[in-house]
Amino acid sequence: MKISADALYAAMAHPLRLRALLLLQQEAELCVCELTHALRVSQPMISRHLAQLRQAGLVGDRRQGLWVYYRLHEALPGWVRGVLTATAEGVGPGLPYTKDRARLVSMSERPGSACGA
């Protein structure tokens, strides 16, 4: 898979997309409902940003019934994974990333009954 530096950094330039990417990197796969809960945004808003990440080739998705689950694209080049790892190490211990992870961890029904899976 070929991803340009321009596409990667444009995708990461928006704070919500960066927060979603870092959560996906940490969790491997998340349902849209988990992302809306952790990031405190509406489903249409996160879906719009996830579509942009998918279009850039950074994330993949799968459907399970009515629900959509997202993950980092399995064919991401090593340099892209390296950038995401370095970014997570650099900013992950700060806000808002720690609060995003705490909200996700504290989500009472993940994702079984919360997403209806």
PDB file of N, CA and C in Angstrom:
ATOM      1  N   MET A   1       0.846  -1.173   0.000  1.00  0.00           N
ATOM      2  CA  MET A   1       0.000   0.000   0.000  1.00  0.00           C
ATOM      3  C   MET A   1       0.889   1.233   0.000  1.00  0.00           C
ATOM      4  N   LYS A   2       0.520   2.194  -0.800  1.00  0.00           N
ATOM      5  CA  LYS A   2       1.296   3.424  -0.878  1.00  0.00           C
ATOM      6  C   LYS A   2       0.482   4.564  -0.276  1.00  0.00           C
ATOM      7  N   ILE A   3       1.071   5.208   0.718  1.00  0.00           N
ATOM      8  CA  ILE A   3       0.452   6.375   1.346  1.00  0.00           C
ATOM      9  C   ILE A   3       1.458   7.508   1.256  1.00  0.00           C
ATOM     10  N   SER A   4       0.994   8.640   0.782  1.00  0.00           N
ATOM     11  CA  SER A   4       1.906   9.778   0.690  1.00  0.00           C
ATOM     12  C   SER A   4       2.029  10.466   2.041  1.00  0.00           C
ATOM     13  N   ALA A   5       3.162  11.105   2.249  1.00  0.00           N
ATOM     14  CA  ALA A   5       3.363  11.877   3.476  1.00  0.00           C
ATOM     15  C   ALA A   5       2.310  12.968   3.582  1.00  0.00           C
ATOM     16  N   ASP A   6       1.955  13.580   2.463  1.00  0.00           N
ATOM     17  CA  ASP A   6       0.930  14.623   2.475  1.00  0.00           C
ATOM     18  C   ASP A   6      -0.394  14.087   3.003  1.00  0.00           C
ATOM     19  N   ALA A   7      -0.795  12.902   2.527  1.00  0.00           N
ATOM     20  CA  ALA A   7      -2.066  12.312   2.967  1.00  0.00           C
ATOM     21  C   ALA A   7      -2.021  11.965   4.457  1.00  0.00           C
ATOM     22  N   LEU A   8      -0.903  11.408   4.905  1.00  0.00           N
ATOM     23  CA  LEU A   8      -0.787  11.044   6.319  1.00  0.00           C
ATOM     24  C   LEU A   8      -0.871  12.280   7.203  1.00  0.00           C
ATOM     25  N   TYR A   9      -0.071  13.280   6.902  1.00  0.00           N
ATOM     26  CA  TYR A   9      -0.037  14.452   7.778  1.00  0.00           C
ATOM     27  C   TYR A   9      -1.305  15.293   7.667  1.00  0.00           C
ATOM     28  N   ALA A  10      -1.948  15.286   6.517  1.00  0.00           N
ATOM     29  CA  ALA A  10      -3.242  15.984   6.399  1.00  0.00           C
ATOM     30  C   ALA A  10      -4.282  15.293   7.278  1.00  0.00           C
ATOM     31  N   ALA A  11      -4.261  13.957   7.286  1.00  0.00           N
ATOM     32  CA  ALA A  11      -5.209  13.204   8.109  1.00  0.00           C
ATOM     33  C   ALA A  11      -4.935  13.441   9.586  1.00  0.00           C
ATOM     34  N   MET A  12      -3.667  13.480   9.966  1.00  0.00           N
ATOM     35  CA  MET A  12      -3.304  13.648  11.369  1.00  0.00           C
ATOM     36  C   MET A  12      -3.442  15.099  11.835  1.00  0.00           C
ATOM     37  N   ALA A  13      -3.591  16.018  10.899  1.00  0.00           N
ATOM     38  CA  ALA A  13      -3.640  17.440  11.255  1.00  0.00           C
ATOM     39  C   ALA A  13      -4.909  17.821  12.001  1.00  0.00           C
ATOM     40  N   HIS A  14      -5.973  17.078  11.797  1.00  0.00           N
ATOM     41  CA  HIS A  14      -7.212  17.391  12.514  1.00  0.00           C
ATOM     42  C   HIS A  14      -7.179  16.687  13.868  1.00  0.00           C
ATOM     43  N   PRO A  15      -7.403  17.403  14.954  1.00  0.00           N
ATOM     44  CA  PRO A  15      -7.292  16.795  16.294  1.00  0.00           C
ATOM     45  C   PRO A  15      -8.176  15.574  16.507  1.00  0.00           C
ATOM     46  N   LEU A  16      -9.384  15.583  15.992  1.00  0.00           N
ATOM     47  CA  LEU A  16     -10.277  14.445  16.193  1.00  0.00           C
ATOM     48  C   LEU A  16      -9.766  13.208  15.458  1.00  0.00           C
ATOM     49  N   ARG A  17      -9.271  13.386  14.241  1.00  0.00           N
ATOM     50  CA  ARG A  17      -8.735  12.242  13.499  1.00  0.00           C
ATOM     51  C   ARG A  17      -7.488  11.696  14.178  1.00  0.00           C
ATOM     52  N   LEU A  18      -6.635  12.572  14.693  1.00  0.00           N
ATOM     53  CA  LEU A  18      -5.445  12.120  15.398  1.00  0.00           C
ATOM     54  C   LEU A  18      -5.828  11.331  16.650  1.00  0.00           C
ATOM     55  N   ARG A  19      -6.780  11.842  17.403  1.00  0.00           N
ATOM     56  CA  ARG A  19      -7.228  11.143  18.614  1.00  0.00           C
ATOM     57  C   ARG A  19      -7.789   9.769  18.265  1.00  0.00           C
ATOM     58  N   ALA A  20      -8.570   9.690  17.188  1.00  0.00           N
ATOM     59  CA  ALA A  20      -9.140   8.404  16.767  1.00  0.00           C
ATOM     60  C   ALA A  20      -8.034   7.446  16.334  1.00  0.00           C
ATOM     61  N   LEU A  21      -7.070   7.921  15.565  1.00  0.00           N
ATOM     62  CA  LEU A  21      -5.962   7.070  15.133  1.00  0.00           C
ATOM     63  C   LEU A  21      -5.191   6.507  16.317  1.00  0.00           C
ATOM     64  N   LEU A  22      -4.926   7.346  17.302  1.00  0.00           N
ATOM     65  CA  LEU A  22      -4.163   6.881  18.459  1.00  0.00           C
ATOM     66  C   LEU A  22      -4.948   5.870  19.288  1.00  0.00           C
ATOM     67  N   LEU A  23      -6.264   6.048  19.397  1.00  0.00           N
ATOM     68  CA  LEU A  23      -7.085   5.038  20.078  1.00  0.00           C
ATOM     69  C   LEU A  23      -7.088   3.724  19.303  1.00  0.00           C
ATOM     70  N   LEU A  24      -7.200   3.813  17.986  1.00  0.00           N
ATOM     71  CA  LEU A  24      -7.195   2.597  17.170  1.00  0.00           C
ATOM     72  C   LEU A  24      -5.850   1.890  17.253  1.00  0.00           C
ATOM     73  N   GLN A  25      -4.781   2.645  17.318  1.00  0.00           N
ATOM     74  CA  GLN A  25      -3.469   2.037  17.436  1.00  0.00           C
ATOM     75  C   GLN A  25      -3.355   1.273  18.761  1.00  0.00           C
ATOM     76  N   GLN A  26      -3.882   1.844  19.805  1.00  0.00           N
ATOM     77  CA  GLN A  26      -3.796   1.219  21.125  1.00  0.00           C
ATOM     78  C   GLN A  26      -4.726   0.023  21.250  1.00  0.00           C
ATOM     79  N   GLU A  27      -5.929   0.130  20.726  1.00  0.00           N
ATOM     80  CA  GLU A  27      -6.969  -0.879  20.955  1.00  0.00           C
ATOM     81  C   GLU A  27      -7.096  -1.921  19.858  1.00  0.00           C
ATOM     82  N   ALA A  28      -6.442  -1.726  18.753  1.00  0.00           N
ATOM     83  CA  ALA A  28      -6.501  -2.623  17.601  1.00  0.00           C
ATOM     84  C   ALA A  28      -7.795  -2.464  16.799  1.00  0.00           C
ATOM     85  N   GLU A  29      -8.948  -2.522  17.428  1.00  0.00           N
ATOM     86  CA  GLU A  29     -10.214  -2.372  16.703  1.00  0.00           C
ATOM     87  C   GLU A  29     -11.254  -1.792  17.647  1.00  0.00           C
ATOM     88  N   LEU A  30     -12.020  -0.839  17.124  1.00  0.00           N
ATOM     89  CA  LEU A  30     -13.075  -0.214  17.924  1.00  0.00           C
ATOM     90  C   LEU A  30     -14.326  -0.038  17.091  1.00  0.00           C
ATOM     91  N   CYS A  31     -15.457  -0.220  17.759  1.00  0.00           N
ATOM     92  CA  CYS A  31     -16.759   0.042  17.153  1.00  0.00           C
ATOM     93  C   CYS A  31     -16.975   1.554  17.127  1.00  0.00           C
ATOM     94  N   VAL A  32     -17.775   2.010  16.204  1.00  0.00           N
ATOM     95  CA  VAL A  32     -18.089   3.436  16.136  1.00  0.00           C
ATOM     96  C   VAL A  32     -18.650   3.922  17.472  1.00  0.00           C
ATOM     97  N   CYS A  33     -19.462   3.102  18.136  1.00  0.00           N
ATOM     98  CA  CYS A  33     -20.033   3.539  19.411  1.00  0.00           C
ATOM     99  C   CYS A  33     -18.952   3.750  20.468  1.00  0.00           C
ATOM    100  N   GLU A  34     -17.896   2.954  20.433  1.00  0.00           N
ATOM    101  CA  GLU A  34     -16.795   3.146  21.380  1.00  0.00           C
ATOM    102  C   GLU A  34     -16.057   4.450  21.096  1.00  0.00           C
ATOM    103  N   LEU A  35     -15.871   4.746  19.829  1.00  0.00           N
ATOM    104  CA  LEU A  35     -15.197   5.997  19.458  1.00  0.00           C
ATOM    105  C   LEU A  35     -16.037   7.211  19.828  1.00  0.00           C
ATOM    106  N   THR A  36     -17.346   7.138  19.605  1.00  0.00           N
ATOM    107  CA  THR A  36     -18.190   8.280  19.978  1.00  0.00           C
ATOM    108  C   THR A  36     -18.166   8.495  21.482  1.00  0.00           C
ATOM    109  N   HIS A  37     -18.143   7.407  22.244  1.00  0.00           N
ATOM    110  CA  HIS A  37     -18.107   7.516  23.706  1.00  0.00           C
ATOM    111  C   HIS A  37     -16.770   8.101  24.175  1.00  0.00           C
ATOM    112  N   ALA A  38     -15.673   7.547  23.687  1.00  0.00           N
ATOM    113  CA  ALA A  38     -14.346   7.970  24.141  1.00  0.00           C
ATOM    114  C   ALA A  38     -14.034   9.409  23.730  1.00  0.00           C
ATOM    115  N   LEU A  39     -14.447   9.786  22.535  1.00  0.00           N
ATOM    116  CA  LEU A  39     -14.096  11.105  22.004  1.00  0.00           C
ATOM    117  C   LEU A  39     -15.169  12.160  22.261  1.00  0.00           C
ATOM    118  N   ARG A  40     -16.303  11.716  22.798  1.00  0.00           N
ATOM    119  CA  ARG A  40     -17.419  12.627  23.105  1.00  0.00           C
ATOM    120  C   ARG A  40     -17.861  13.435  21.887  1.00  0.00           C
ATOM    121  N   VAL A  41     -18.136  12.719  20.817  1.00  0.00           N
ATOM    122  CA  VAL A  41     -18.633  13.348  19.594  1.00  0.00           C
ATOM    123  C   VAL A  41     -19.828  12.556  19.095  1.00  0.00           C
ATOM    124  N   SER A  42     -20.569  13.140  18.194  1.00  0.00           N
ATOM    125  CA  SER A  42     -21.741  12.469  17.636  1.00  0.00           C
ATOM    126  C   SER A  42     -21.320  11.406  16.625  1.00  0.00           C
ATOM    127  N   GLN A  43     -22.215  10.469  16.397  1.00  0.00           N
ATOM    128  CA  GLN A  43     -21.945   9.409  15.423  1.00  0.00           C
ATOM    129  C   GLN A  43     -21.711   9.986  14.029  1.00  0.00           C
ATOM    130  N   PRO A  44     -22.526  10.934  13.549  1.00  0.00           N
ATOM    131  CA  PRO A  44     -22.249  11.483  12.215  1.00  0.00           C
ATOM    132  C   PRO A  44     -20.869  12.158  12.120  1.00  0.00           C
ATOM    133  N   MET A  45     -20.469  12.836  13.192  1.00  0.00           N
ATOM    134  CA  MET A  45     -19.177  13.515  13.149  1.00  0.00           C
ATOM    135  C   MET A  45     -18.023  12.518  13.076  1.00  0.00           C
ATOM    136  N   ILE A  46     -18.038  11.494  13.936  1.00  0.00           N
ATOM    137  CA  ILE A  46     -16.930  10.534  13.902  1.00  0.00           C
ATOM    138  C   ILE A  46     -16.964   9.745  12.609  1.00  0.00           C
ATOM    139  N   SER A  47     -18.142   9.430  12.108  1.00  0.00           N
ATOM    140  CA  SER A  47     -18.239   8.681  10.854  1.00  0.00           C
ATOM    141  C   SER A  47     -17.648   9.472   9.691  1.00  0.00           C
ATOM    142  N   ARG A  48     -17.859  10.765   9.679  1.00  0.00           N
ATOM    143  CA  ARG A  48     -17.295  11.622   8.623  1.00  0.00           C
ATOM    144  C   ARG A  48     -15.764  11.595   8.678  1.00  0.00           C
ATOM    145  N   HIS A  49     -15.213  11.699   9.884  1.00  0.00           N
ATOM    146  CA  HIS A  49     -13.756  11.694  10.020  1.00  0.00           C
ATOM    147  C   HIS A  49     -13.168  10.309   9.737  1.00  0.00           C
ATOM    148  N   LEU A  50     -13.861   9.251  10.136  1.00  0.00           N
ATOM    149  CA  LEU A  50     -13.394   7.902   9.828  1.00  0.00           C
ATOM    150  C   LEU A  50     -13.412   7.650   8.323  1.00  0.00           C
ATOM    151  N   ALA A  51     -14.399   8.199   7.636  1.00  0.00           N
ATOM    152  CA  ALA A  51     -14.445   8.063   6.179  1.00  0.00           C
ATOM    153  C   ALA A  51     -13.231   8.737   5.544  1.00  0.00           C
ATOM    154  N   GLN A  52     -12.823   9.875   6.075  1.00  0.00           N
ATOM    155  CA  GLN A  52     -11.632  10.552   5.557  1.00  0.00           C
ATOM    156  C   GLN A  52     -10.377   9.717   5.817  1.00  0.00           C
ATOM    157  N   LEU A  53     -10.295   9.106   6.994  1.00  0.00           N
ATOM    158  CA  LEU A  53      -9.153   8.242   7.298  1.00  0.00           C
ATOM    159  C   LEU A  53      -9.143   7.012   6.401  1.00  0.00           C
ATOM    160  N   ARG A  54     -10.321   6.464   6.128  1.00  0.00           N
ATOM    161  CA  ARG A  54     -10.430   5.309   5.232  1.00  0.00           C
ATOM    162  C   ARG A  54     -10.019   5.698   3.818  1.00  0.00           C
ATOM    163  N   GLN A  55     -10.473   6.866   3.358  1.00  0.00           N
ATOM    164  CA  GLN A  55     -10.130   7.342   2.019  1.00  0.00           C
ATOM    165  C   GLN A  55      -8.624   7.567   1.881  1.00  0.00           C
ATOM    166  N   ALA A  56      -7.978   7.992   2.952  1.00  0.00           N
ATOM    167  CA  ALA A  56      -6.530   8.205   2.937  1.00  0.00           C
ATOM    168  C   ALA A  56      -5.757   6.886   3.024  1.00  0.00           C
ATOM    169  N   GLY A  57      -6.465   5.782   3.257  1.00  0.00           N
ATOM    170  CA  GLY A  57      -5.822   4.477   3.341  1.00  0.00           C
ATOM    171  C   GLY A  57      -5.258   4.147   4.707  1.00  0.00           C
ATOM    172  N   LEU A  58      -5.644   4.919   5.730  1.00  0.00           N
ATOM    173  CA  LEU A  58      -5.082   4.708   7.064  1.00  0.00           C
ATOM    174  C   LEU A  58      -5.866   3.711   7.905  1.00  0.00           C
ATOM    175  N   VAL A  59      -7.151   3.579   7.664  1.00  0.00           N
ATOM    176  CA  VAL A  59      -7.957   2.639   8.437  1.00  0.00           C
ATOM    177  C   VAL A  59      -8.759   1.742   7.506  1.00  0.00           C
ATOM    178  N   GLY A  60      -9.104   0.593   8.043  1.00  0.00           N
ATOM    179  CA  GLY A  60      -9.997  -0.330   7.371  1.00  0.00           C
ATOM    180  C   GLY A  60     -11.205  -0.542   8.265  1.00  0.00           C
ATOM    181  N   ASP A  61     -12.242  -1.119   7.712  1.00  0.00           N
ATOM    182  CA  ASP A  61     -13.435  -1.355   8.516  1.00  0.00           C
ATOM    183  C   ASP A  61     -14.034  -2.706   8.181  1.00  0.00           C
ATOM    184  N   ARG A  62     -14.906  -3.134   9.076  1.00  0.00           N
ATOM    185  CA  ARG A  62     -15.682  -4.352   8.834  1.00  0.00           C
ATOM    186  C   ARG A  62     -17.047  -4.150   9.455  1.00  0.00           C
ATOM    187  N   ARG A  63     -18.018  -4.781   8.832  1.00  0.00           N
ATOM    188  CA  ARG A  63     -19.382  -4.707   9.351  1.00  0.00           C
ATOM    189  C   ARG A  63     -19.694  -5.977  10.113  1.00  0.00           C
ATOM    190  N   GLN A  64     -20.429  -5.777  11.201  1.00  0.00           N
ATOM    191  CA  GLN A  64     -20.979  -6.914  11.938  1.00  0.00           C
ATOM    192  C   GLN A  64     -22.413  -6.536  12.240  1.00  0.00           C
ATOM    193  N   GLY A  65     -23.321  -7.078  11.466  1.00  0.00           N
ATOM    194  CA  GLY A  65     -24.718  -6.676  11.578  1.00  0.00           C
ATOM    195  C   GLY A  65     -24.853  -5.222  11.164  1.00  0.00           C
ATOM    196  N   LEU A  66     -25.447  -4.419  12.038  1.00  0.00           N
ATOM    197  CA  LEU A  66     -25.637  -2.997  11.745  1.00  0.00           C
ATOM    198  C   LEU A  66     -24.434  -2.152  12.138  1.00  0.00           C
ATOM    199  N   TRP A  67     -23.436  -2.749  12.781  1.00  0.00           N
ATOM    200  CA  TRP A  67     -22.341  -1.991  13.367  1.00  0.00           C
ATOM    201  C   TRP A  67     -21.090  -2.058  12.523  1.00  0.00           C
ATOM    202  N   VAL A  68     -20.312  -0.986  12.588  1.00  0.00           N
ATOM    203  CA  VAL A  68     -19.072  -0.899  11.834  1.00  0.00           C
ATOM    204  C   VAL A  68     -17.918  -0.777  12.822  1.00  0.00           C
ATOM    205  N   TYR A  69     -16.914  -1.606  12.611  1.00  0.00           N
ATOM    206  CA  TYR A  69     -15.716  -1.607  13.446  1.00  0.00           C
ATOM    207  C   TYR A  69     -14.541  -1.113  12.606  1.00  0.00           C
ATOM    208  N   TYR A  70     -13.686  -0.298  13.217  1.00  0.00           N
ATOM    209  CA  TYR A  70     -12.530   0.272  12.519  1.00  0.00           C
ATOM    210  C   TYR A  70     -11.241  -0.190  13.165  1.00  0.00           C
ATOM    211  N   ARG A  71     -10.208  -0.257  12.343  1.00  0.00           N
ATOM    212  CA  ARG A  71      -8.859  -0.619  12.796  1.00  0.00           C
ATOM    213  C   ARG A  71      -7.868   0.074  11.858  1.00  0.00           C
ATOM    214  N   LEU A  72      -6.618   0.163  12.303  1.00  0.00           N
ATOM    215  CA  LEU A  72      -5.591   0.653  11.392  1.00  0.00           C
ATOM    216  C   LEU A  72      -5.515  -0.315  10.220  1.00  0.00           C
ATOM    217  N   HIS A  73      -5.320   0.221   9.027  1.00  0.00           N
ATOM    218  CA  HIS A  73      -5.254  -0.632   7.838  1.00  0.00           C
ATOM    219  C   HIS A  73      -4.101  -1.615   7.975  1.00  0.00           C
ATOM    220  N   GLU A  74      -4.390  -2.883   7.709  1.00  0.00           N
ATOM    221  CA  GLU A  74      -3.373  -3.926   7.910  1.00  0.00           C
ATOM    222  C   GLU A  74      -2.175  -3.780   6.982  1.00  0.00           C
ATOM    223  N   ALA A  75      -2.326  -3.074   5.874  1.00  0.00           N
ATOM    224  CA  ALA A  75      -1.228  -2.932   4.914  1.00  0.00           C
ATOM    225  C   ALA A  75      -0.478  -1.603   5.056  1.00  0.00           C
ATOM    226  N   LEU A  76      -0.607  -0.953   6.213  1.00  0.00           N
ATOM    227  CA  LEU A  76       0.121   0.306   6.392  1.00  0.00           C
ATOM    228  C   LEU A  76       1.621   0.062   6.274  1.00  0.00           C
ATOM    229  N   PRO A  77       2.304   0.929   5.538  1.00  0.00           N
ATOM    230  CA  PRO A  77       3.765   0.797   5.446  1.00  0.00           C
ATOM    231  C   PRO A  77       4.414   0.999   6.817  1.00  0.00           C
ATOM    232  N   GLY A  78       5.577   0.430   6.988  1.00  0.00           N
ATOM    233  CA  GLY A  78       6.297   0.535   8.245  1.00  0.00           C
ATOM    234  C   GLY A  78       6.572   1.969   8.666  1.00  0.00           C
ATOM    235  N   TRP A  79       6.860   2.837   7.701  1.00  0.00           N
ATOM    236  CA  TRP A  79       7.171   4.221   8.071  1.00  0.00           C
ATOM    237  C   TRP A  79       5.943   4.915   8.648  1.00  0.00           C
ATOM    238  N   VAL A  80       4.740   4.557   8.158  1.00  0.00           N
ATOM    239  CA  VAL A  80       3.509   5.148   8.687  1.00  0.00           C
ATOM    240  C   VAL A  80       3.276   4.644  10.110  1.00  0.00           C
ATOM    241  N   ARG A  81       3.441   3.362  10.319  1.00  0.00           N
ATOM    242  CA  ARG A  81       3.300   2.805  11.670  1.00  0.00           C
ATOM    243  C   ARG A  81       4.314   3.443  12.624  1.00  0.00           C
ATOM    244  N   GLY A  82       5.522   3.689  12.113  1.00  0.00           N
ATOM    245  CA  GLY A  82       6.549   4.348  12.925  1.00  0.00           C
ATOM    246  C   GLY A  82       6.155   5.752  13.331  1.00  0.00           C
ATOM    247  N   VAL A  83       5.573   6.497  12.394  1.00  0.00           N
ATOM    248  CA  VAL A  83       5.118   7.857  12.698  1.00  0.00           C
ATOM    249  C   VAL A  83       4.019   7.806  13.755  1.00  0.00           C
ATOM    250  N   LEU A  84       3.074   6.880  13.612  1.00  0.00           N
ATOM    251  CA  LEU A  84       1.990   6.761  14.588  1.00  0.00           C
ATOM    252  C   LEU A  84       2.517   6.351  15.959  1.00  0.00           C
ATOM    253  N   THR A  85       3.474   5.439  15.987  1.00  0.00           N
ATOM    254  CA  THR A  85       4.062   5.009  17.261  1.00  0.00           C
ATOM    255  C   THR A  85       4.785   6.172  17.934  1.00  0.00           C
ATOM    256  N   ALA A  86       5.602   6.887  17.166  1.00  0.00           N
ATOM    257  CA  ALA A  86       6.337   8.020  17.737  1.00  0.00           C
ATOM    258  C   ALA A  86       5.382   9.107  18.215  1.00  0.00           C
ATOM    259  N   THR A  87       4.317   9.334  17.477  1.00  0.00           N
ATOM    260  CA  THR A  87       3.324  10.334  17.878  1.00  0.00           C
ATOM    261  C   THR A  87       2.649   9.913  19.176  1.00  0.00           C
ATOM    262  N   ALA A  88       2.252   8.648  19.252  1.00  0.00           N
ATOM    263  CA  ALA A  88       1.600   8.149  20.469  1.00  0.00           C
ATOM    264  C   ALA A  88       2.526   8.263  21.671  1.00  0.00           C
ATOM    265  N   GLU A  89       3.787   7.941  21.486  1.00  0.00           N
ATOM    266  CA  GLU A  89       4.746   8.046  22.590  1.00  0.00           C
ATOM    267  C   GLU A  89       4.962   9.496  23.007  1.00  0.00           C
ATOM    268  N   GLY A  90       4.932  10.395  22.029  1.00  0.00           N
ATOM    269  CA  GLY A  90       5.188  11.800  22.318  1.00  0.00           C
ATOM    270  C   GLY A  90       4.019  12.528  22.954  1.00  0.00           C
ATOM    271  N   VAL A  91       2.818  12.281  22.467  1.00  0.00           N
ATOM    272  CA  VAL A  91       1.660  13.042  22.958  1.00  0.00           C
ATOM    273  C   VAL A  91       0.714  12.215  23.814  1.00  0.00           C
ATOM    274  N   GLY A  92       0.800  10.899  23.738  1.00  0.00           N
ATOM    275  CA  GLY A  92      -0.117  10.011  24.448  1.00  0.00           C
ATOM    276  C   GLY A  92      -0.246  10.245  25.938  1.00  0.00           C
ATOM    277  N   PRO A  93       0.847  10.582  26.633  1.00  0.00           N
ATOM    278  CA  PRO A  93       0.727  10.806  28.073  1.00  0.00           C
ATOM    279  C   PRO A  93       0.026  12.117  28.444  1.00  0.00           C
ATOM    280  N   GLY A  94      -0.279  12.947  27.471  1.00  0.00           N
ATOM    281  CA  GLY A  94      -0.911  14.240  27.764  1.00  0.00           C
ATOM    282  C   GLY A  94      -2.394  14.251  27.461  1.00  0.00           C
ATOM    283  N   LEU A  95      -2.975  15.426  27.670  1.00  0.00           N
ATOM    284  CA  LEU A  95      -4.393  15.637  27.359  1.00  0.00           C
ATOM    285  C   LEU A  95      -4.528  16.007  25.896  1.00  0.00           C
ATOM    286  N   PRO A  96      -5.580  15.624  25.247  1.00  0.00           N
ATOM    287  CA  PRO A  96      -6.784  14.923  25.704  1.00  0.00           C
ATOM    288  C   PRO A  96      -6.677  13.402  25.624  1.00  0.00           C
ATOM    289  N   TYR A  97      -5.516  12.898  25.229  1.00  0.00           N
ATOM    290  CA  TYR A  97      -5.368  11.471  24.936  1.00  0.00           C
ATOM    291  C   TYR A  97      -5.590  10.591  26.164  1.00  0.00           C
ATOM    292  N   THR A  98      -5.112  11.028  27.319  1.00  0.00           N
ATOM    293  CA  THR A  98      -5.322  10.228  28.534  1.00  0.00           C
ATOM    294  C   THR A  98      -6.798  10.186  28.910  1.00  0.00           C
ATOM    295  N   LYS A  99      -7.505  11.289  28.708  1.00  0.00           N
ATOM    296  CA  LYS A  99      -8.947  11.297  29.012  1.00  0.00           C
ATOM    297  C   LYS A  99      -9.718  10.429  28.028  1.00  0.00           C
ATOM    298  N   ASP A 100      -9.311  10.436  26.744  1.00  0.00           N
ATOM    299  CA  ASP A 100      -9.963   9.578  25.751  1.00  0.00           C
ATOM    300  C   ASP A 100      -9.848   8.116  26.172  1.00  0.00           C
ATOM    301  N   ARG A 101      -8.633   7.704  26.556  1.00  0.00           N
ATOM    302  CA  ARG A 101      -8.421   6.310  26.965  1.00  0.00           C
ATOM    303  C   ARG A 101      -9.201   5.984  28.234  1.00  0.00           C
ATOM    304  N   ALA A 102      -9.221   6.910  29.188  1.00  0.00           N
ATOM    305  CA  ALA A 102      -9.949   6.671  30.444  1.00  0.00           C
ATOM    306  C   ALA A 102     -11.446   6.520  30.180  1.00  0.00           C
ATOM    307  N   ARG A 103     -12.008   7.350  29.304  1.00  0.00           N
ATOM    308  CA  ARG A 103     -13.436   7.220  28.985  1.00  0.00           C
ATOM    309  C   ARG A 103     -13.712   5.893  28.306  1.00  0.00           C
ATOM    310  N   LEU A 104     -12.820   5.470  27.429  1.00  0.00           N
ATOM    311  CA  LEU A 104     -13.009   4.197  26.744  1.00  0.00           C
ATOM    312  C   LEU A 104     -12.966   3.044  27.740  1.00  0.00           C
ATOM    313  N   VAL A 105     -11.982   3.049  28.615  1.00  0.00           N
ATOM    314  CA  VAL A 105     -11.841   1.987  29.614  1.00  0.00           C
ATOM    315  C   VAL A 105     -13.047   1.945  30.545  1.00  0.00           C
ATOM    316  N   SER A 106     -13.591   3.115  30.864  1.00  0.00           N
ATOM    317  CA  SER A 106     -14.717   3.163  31.802  1.00  0.00           C
ATOM    318  C   SER A 106     -16.073   2.933  31.133  1.00  0.00           C
ATOM    319  N   MET A 107     -16.098   2.753  29.829  1.00  0.00           N
ATOM    320  CA  MET A 107     -17.363   2.510  29.126  1.00  0.00           C
ATOM    321  C   MET A 107     -17.976   1.229  29.669  1.00  0.00           C
ATOM    322  N   SER A 108     -19.177   1.335  30.164  1.00  0.00           N
ATOM    323  CA  SER A 108     -19.779   0.219  30.893  1.00  0.00           C
ATOM    324  C   SER A 108     -20.114  -0.989  30.032  1.00  0.00           C
ATOM    325  N   GLU A 109     -20.501  -0.794  28.817  1.00  0.00           N
ATOM    326  CA  GLU A 109     -20.920  -1.930  27.971  1.00  0.00           C
ATOM    327  C   GLU A 109     -20.190  -1.869  26.647  1.00  0.00           C
ATOM    328  N   ARG A 110     -19.021  -2.482  26.583  1.00  0.00           N
ATOM    329  CA  ARG A 110     -18.167  -2.452  25.391  1.00  0.00           C
ATOM    330  C   ARG A 110     -18.102  -3.810  24.737  1.00  0.00           C
ATOM    331  N   PRO A 111     -18.236  -3.864  23.457  1.00  0.00           N
ATOM    332  CA  PRO A 111     -19.242  -3.202  22.666  1.00  0.00           C
ATOM    333  C   PRO A 111     -20.515  -3.994  22.628  1.00  0.00           C
ATOM    334  N   GLY A 112     -20.506  -5.196  23.161  1.00  0.00           N
ATOM    335  CA  GLY A 112     -21.668  -6.089  23.171  1.00  0.00           C
ATOM    336  C   GLY A 112     -23.008  -5.421  23.122  1.00  0.00           C
ATOM    337  N   SER A 113     -23.584  -5.088  24.274  1.00  0.00           N
ATOM    338  CA  SER A 113     -24.920  -4.518  24.283  1.00  0.00           C
ATOM    339  C   SER A 113     -24.916  -3.032  23.947  1.00  0.00           C
ATOM    340  N   ALA A 114     -23.788  -2.353  24.125  1.00  0.00           N
ATOM    341  CA  ALA A 114     -23.736  -0.919  23.785  1.00  0.00           C
ATOM    342  C   ALA A 114     -23.895  -0.722  22.295  1.00  0.00           C
ATOM    343  N   CYS A 115     -23.278  -1.603  21.505  1.00  0.00           N
ATOM    344  CA  CYS A 115     -23.361  -1.500  20.051  1.00  0.00           C
ATOM    345  C   CYS A 115     -24.420  -2.437  19.485  1.00  0.00           C
ATOM    346  N   GLY A 116     -24.909  -3.307  20.283  1.00  0.00           N
ATOM    347  CA  GLY A 116     -25.895  -4.252  19.792  1.00  0.00           C
ATOM    348  C   GLY A 116     -25.280  -5.428  19.059  1.00  0.00           C
ATOM    349  N   ALA A 117     -23.978  -5.634  19.202  1.00  0.00           N
ATOM    350  CA  ALA A 117     -23.312  -6.722  18.485  1.00  0.00           C
ATOM    351  C   ALA A 117     -23.654  -8.061  19.125  1.00  0.00           C
TER     352      ALA A 117
END
